[in-house]
Structure formats: C-alpha cells, structure tokens
Amino acid sequence: MIPLEDELRAALLDLAHQRGTAKSFCPSEVARALTTEWRPLMAPIRRVASDLIREGQLIATQKGRPVDPEQAKGPIRLALRPSHCS
C-alpha cells in the first residue's frame, strides 16, 4: 500500500530537517523508512519532492547540480533549502 501524499510529504520534510542544510539524502531513505516494499514509492516520492521544491522547501541535485526530481534519470539527492532550516 502506497502512503498518502501527506505522509510522504511529512516523511521527506522530517528527514530533511533532521539532516539540516549541510547534508543531503537519497529519496530511497524515506521510502525504506516507510515500508519494506519501497521501490513502488520512488515515483510518488519524486512527485512530492517536486512539489516541495516548487514551494521552496527542498532542493534536488544530481552530481552536484540542481535537477527536477521527476525529470532526472538515475539517483538524486534531496536537501533542505537553506532558508528553511530551523
């Protein structure tokens, strides 16, 4: 069962705040924390991450460059946007 968008959003933001602006994380870390069958969560997590990026809360990078999580092929990293760290 795929978690609701609100659950994915909360999990992404929670891990981002735990890491702060100094450290990024792989979206699969969030998926693995939510379920043992984590692979089906990757597309929904990237969609929710894209929403959070458009809202200015997260950033996504691939090889150190900003990317759109829904368009990027291969592994990406997510991080809290510096102005949103408390």
N, C-alpha and C. Protein backbone atom coordinates (compact mmCIF):
# COMPACT_ATOMS: atom_id res chain seq x y z
N MET A 1 0.83 -1.18 0.00
CA MET A 1 0.00 0.00 0.00
C MET A 1 0.88 1.25 0.00
N ILE A 2 0.59 2.17 -0.91
CA ILE A 2 1.38 3.40 -1.03
C ILE A 2 0.84 4.43 -0.04
N PRO A 3 1.73 5.00 0.78
CA PRO A 3 1.28 6.04 1.73
C PRO A 3 0.66 7.22 1.00
N LEU A 4 -0.20 7.91 1.71
CA LEU A 4 -0.82 9.12 1.17
C LEU A 4 0.22 10.20 0.94
N GLU A 5 -0.10 11.11 0.04
CA GLU A 5 0.81 12.21 -0.29
C GLU A 5 1.24 12.98 0.96
N ASP A 6 0.31 13.20 1.89
CA ASP A 6 0.64 13.92 3.12
C ASP A 6 1.68 13.18 3.94
N GLU A 7 1.60 11.85 3.96
CA GLU A 7 2.58 11.05 4.70
C GLU A 7 3.96 11.15 4.05
N LEU A 8 3.98 11.11 2.72
CA LEU A 8 5.26 11.22 2.00
C LEU A 8 5.86 12.60 2.23
N ARG A 9 5.03 13.60 2.15
CA ARG A 9 5.48 14.98 2.37
C ARG A 9 6.07 15.13 3.77
N ALA A 10 5.37 14.63 4.78
CA ALA A 10 5.84 14.72 6.16
C ALA A 10 7.16 13.97 6.34
N ALA A 11 7.27 12.80 5.74
CA ALA A 11 8.49 11.99 5.87
C ALA A 11 9.67 12.68 5.19
N LEU A 12 9.45 13.27 4.02
CA LEU A 12 10.52 14.00 3.33
C LEU A 12 11.00 15.19 4.15
N LEU A 13 10.06 15.97 4.64
CA LEU A 13 10.43 17.16 5.41
C LEU A 13 11.08 16.79 6.75
N ASP A 14 10.60 15.71 7.36
CA ASP A 14 11.19 15.27 8.63
C ASP A 14 12.66 14.90 8.44
N LEU A 15 12.95 14.09 7.43
CA LEU A 15 14.35 13.70 7.20
C LEU A 15 15.19 14.91 6.80
N ALA A 16 14.63 15.79 5.99
CA ALA A 16 15.36 17.00 5.58
C ALA A 16 15.72 17.85 6.80
N HIS A 17 14.79 18.00 7.71
CA HIS A 17 15.06 18.80 8.92
C HIS A 17 16.05 18.10 9.84
N GLN A 18 15.99 16.77 9.89
CA GLN A 18 16.97 16.02 10.69
C GLN A 18 18.38 16.25 10.16
N ARG A 19 18.52 16.27 8.83
CA ARG A 19 19.84 16.44 8.22
C ARG A 19 20.28 17.89 8.19
N GLY A 20 19.34 18.81 8.14
CA GLY A 20 19.69 20.23 8.04
C GLY A 20 20.17 20.56 6.64
N THR A 21 20.74 21.75 6.50
CA THR A 21 21.18 22.19 5.17
C THR A 21 22.54 21.65 4.78
N ALA A 22 23.26 21.10 5.74
CA ALA A 22 24.62 20.64 5.46
C ALA A 22 24.67 19.26 4.81
N LYS A 23 23.60 18.47 4.94
CA LYS A 23 23.63 17.10 4.42
C LYS A 23 22.40 16.80 3.59
N SER A 24 22.62 16.12 2.49
CA SER A 24 21.52 15.70 1.63
C SER A 24 21.18 14.23 1.93
N PHE A 25 20.12 13.75 1.29
CA PHE A 25 19.72 12.36 1.46
C PHE A 25 19.14 11.83 0.16
N CYS A 26 19.17 10.52 0.04
CA CYS A 26 18.59 9.85 -1.11
C CYS A 26 17.10 9.65 -0.84
N PRO A 27 16.24 9.91 -1.81
CA PRO A 27 14.81 9.68 -1.61
C PRO A 27 14.50 8.25 -1.17
N SER A 28 15.34 7.29 -1.55
CA SER A 28 15.08 5.90 -1.15
C SER A 28 15.19 5.73 0.36
N GLU A 29 15.91 6.61 1.05
CA GLU A 29 15.97 6.53 2.52
C GLU A 29 14.58 6.74 3.11
N VAL A 30 13.82 7.65 2.54
CA VAL A 30 12.45 7.89 3.00
C VAL A 30 11.59 6.69 2.68
N ALA A 31 11.69 6.18 1.47
CA ALA A 31 10.88 5.03 1.05
C ALA A 31 11.16 3.82 1.94
N ARG A 32 12.43 3.56 2.22
CA ARG A 32 12.81 2.41 3.04
C ARG A 32 12.33 2.56 4.48
N ALA A 33 12.24 3.80 4.96
CA ALA A 33 11.75 4.03 6.32
C ALA A 33 10.24 3.79 6.42
N LEU A 34 9.55 3.89 5.31
CA LEU A 34 8.09 3.75 5.33
C LEU A 34 7.59 2.33 5.11
N THR A 35 8.37 1.52 4.37
CA THR A 35 7.90 0.17 4.04
C THR A 35 9.05 -0.70 3.55
N THR A 36 8.88 -2.00 3.69
CA THR A 36 9.89 -2.93 3.16
C THR A 36 9.79 -3.03 1.64
N GLU A 37 8.60 -2.82 1.11
CA GLU A 37 8.39 -2.80 -0.34
C GLU A 37 8.52 -1.36 -0.82
N TRP A 38 9.74 -0.84 -0.81
CA TRP A 38 9.97 0.59 -1.01
C TRP A 38 10.04 1.02 -2.47
N ARG A 39 10.40 0.15 -3.38
CA ARG A 39 10.59 0.58 -4.79
C ARG A 39 9.36 1.24 -5.41
N PRO A 40 8.13 0.74 -5.16
CA PRO A 40 6.96 1.42 -5.74
C PRO A 40 6.75 2.85 -5.23
N LEU A 41 7.40 3.20 -4.13
CA LEU A 41 7.25 4.55 -3.58
C LEU A 41 8.11 5.59 -4.28
N MET A 42 9.08 5.16 -5.07
CA MET A 42 10.02 6.11 -5.62
C MET A 42 9.38 7.16 -6.53
N ALA A 43 8.50 6.77 -7.42
CA ALA A 43 7.85 7.76 -8.30
C ALA A 43 6.97 8.72 -7.48
N PRO A 44 6.13 8.23 -6.56
CA PRO A 44 5.35 9.17 -5.75
C PRO A 44 6.23 10.09 -4.90
N ILE A 45 7.32 9.58 -4.37
CA ILE A 45 8.22 10.42 -3.57
C ILE A 45 8.83 11.51 -4.43
N ARG A 46 9.22 11.18 -5.65
CA ARG A 46 9.78 12.21 -6.53
C ARG A 46 8.74 13.27 -6.88
N ARG A 47 7.48 12.86 -7.06
CA ARG A 47 6.42 13.84 -7.35
C ARG A 47 6.23 14.78 -6.17
N VAL A 48 6.18 14.23 -4.96
CA VAL A 48 6.00 15.05 -3.77
C VAL A 48 7.23 15.95 -3.57
N ALA A 49 8.42 15.41 -3.81
CA ALA A 49 9.64 16.22 -3.71
C ALA A 49 9.59 17.39 -4.69
N SER A 50 9.09 17.15 -5.89
CA SER A 50 8.95 18.23 -6.87
C SER A 50 8.04 19.33 -6.35
N ASP A 51 6.95 18.94 -5.70
CA ASP A 51 6.05 19.93 -5.10
C ASP A 51 6.78 20.75 -4.04
N LEU A 52 7.55 20.07 -3.20
CA LEU A 52 8.28 20.76 -2.13
C LEU A 52 9.36 21.68 -2.70
N ILE A 53 9.93 21.31 -3.81
CA ILE A 53 10.92 22.16 -4.47
C ILE A 53 10.24 23.41 -5.03
N ARG A 54 9.10 23.22 -5.69
CA ARG A 54 8.36 24.38 -6.23
C ARG A 54 7.93 25.32 -5.11
N GLU A 55 7.65 24.77 -3.93
CA GLU A 55 7.27 25.58 -2.77
C GLU A 55 8.48 26.24 -2.10
N GLY A 56 9.67 25.88 -2.54
CA GLY A 56 10.88 26.48 -1.98
C GLY A 56 11.37 25.84 -0.70
N GLN A 57 10.91 24.64 -0.39
CA GLN A 57 11.31 23.99 0.86
C GLN A 57 12.51 23.05 0.70
N LEU A 58 12.60 22.37 -0.43
CA LEU A 58 13.70 21.43 -0.68
C LEU A 58 14.45 21.82 -1.94
N ILE A 59 15.62 21.25 -2.09
CA ILE A 59 16.36 21.31 -3.34
C ILE A 59 16.71 19.88 -3.73
N ALA A 60 16.84 19.64 -5.03
CA ALA A 60 17.26 18.33 -5.53
C ALA A 60 18.49 18.53 -6.40
N THR A 61 19.44 17.62 -6.25
CA THR A 61 20.66 17.69 -7.06
C THR A 61 21.00 16.31 -7.61
N GLN A 62 21.75 16.35 -8.69
CA GLN A 62 22.32 15.15 -9.29
C GLN A 62 23.72 15.54 -9.72
N LYS A 63 24.68 14.84 -9.20
CA LYS A 63 26.09 15.16 -9.45
C LYS A 63 26.39 16.62 -9.11
N GLY A 64 25.76 17.10 -8.02
CA GLY A 64 26.01 18.45 -7.53
C GLY A 64 25.27 19.56 -8.25
N ARG A 65 24.45 19.22 -9.24
CA ARG A 65 23.72 20.24 -10.00
C ARG A 65 22.22 20.14 -9.72
N PRO A 66 21.54 21.28 -9.65
CA PRO A 66 20.10 21.25 -9.41
C PRO A 66 19.36 20.51 -10.53
N VAL A 67 18.36 19.72 -10.14
CA VAL A 67 17.54 18.97 -11.09
C VAL A 67 16.09 18.96 -10.65
N ASP A 68 15.23 18.64 -11.60
CA ASP A 68 13.81 18.37 -11.31
C ASP A 68 13.72 16.87 -11.03
N PRO A 69 13.28 16.47 -9.83
CA PRO A 69 13.24 15.05 -9.49
C PRO A 69 12.41 14.19 -10.44
N GLU A 70 11.37 14.77 -11.03
CA GLU A 70 10.53 13.99 -11.94
C GLU A 70 11.17 13.81 -13.31
N GLN A 71 12.08 14.68 -13.68
CA GLN A 71 12.73 14.61 -14.99
C GLN A 71 14.09 13.92 -14.95
N ALA A 72 14.74 13.94 -13.81
CA ALA A 72 16.09 13.38 -13.69
C ALA A 72 16.06 11.87 -13.84
N LYS A 73 17.03 11.35 -14.55
CA LYS A 73 17.22 9.91 -14.69
C LYS A 73 18.34 9.50 -13.76
N GLY A 74 18.12 8.46 -13.00
CA GLY A 74 19.15 7.98 -12.09
C GLY A 74 19.02 8.60 -10.71
N PRO A 75 20.02 8.32 -9.86
CA PRO A 75 19.95 8.76 -8.46
C PRO A 75 20.03 10.28 -8.31
N ILE A 76 19.27 10.77 -7.35
CA ILE A 76 19.28 12.19 -7.00
C ILE A 76 19.48 12.30 -5.49
N ARG A 77 19.76 13.50 -5.05
CA ARG A 77 19.87 13.80 -3.63
C ARG A 77 18.90 14.93 -3.31
N LEU A 78 18.32 14.89 -2.15
CA LEU A 78 17.42 15.95 -1.70
C LEU A 78 18.01 16.59 -0.45
N ALA A 79 17.72 17.86 -0.26
CA ALA A 79 18.20 18.57 0.92
C ALA A 79 17.24 19.70 1.24
N LEU A 80 17.29 20.12 2.47
CA LEU A 80 16.52 21.26 2.92
C LEU A 80 17.11 22.52 2.30
N ARG A 81 16.24 23.36 1.76
CA ARG A 81 16.71 24.64 1.25
C ARG A 81 17.22 25.45 2.44
N PRO A 82 18.38 26.07 2.34
CA PRO A 82 18.98 26.76 3.50
C PRO A 82 18.06 27.69 4.26
N SER A 83 17.21 28.41 3.62
CA SER A 83 16.35 29.36 4.33
C SER A 83 15.25 28.68 5.14
N HIS A 84 15.10 27.33 5.01
CA HIS A 84 14.04 26.63 5.73
C HIS A 84 14.56 25.76 6.86
N CYS A 85 15.79 25.95 7.26
CA CYS A 85 16.34 25.18 8.37
C CYS A 85 16.06 25.92 9.66
N SER A 86 15.54 25.19 10.62
CA SER A 86 15.26 25.84 11.90
C SER A 86 16.20 25.37 12.97
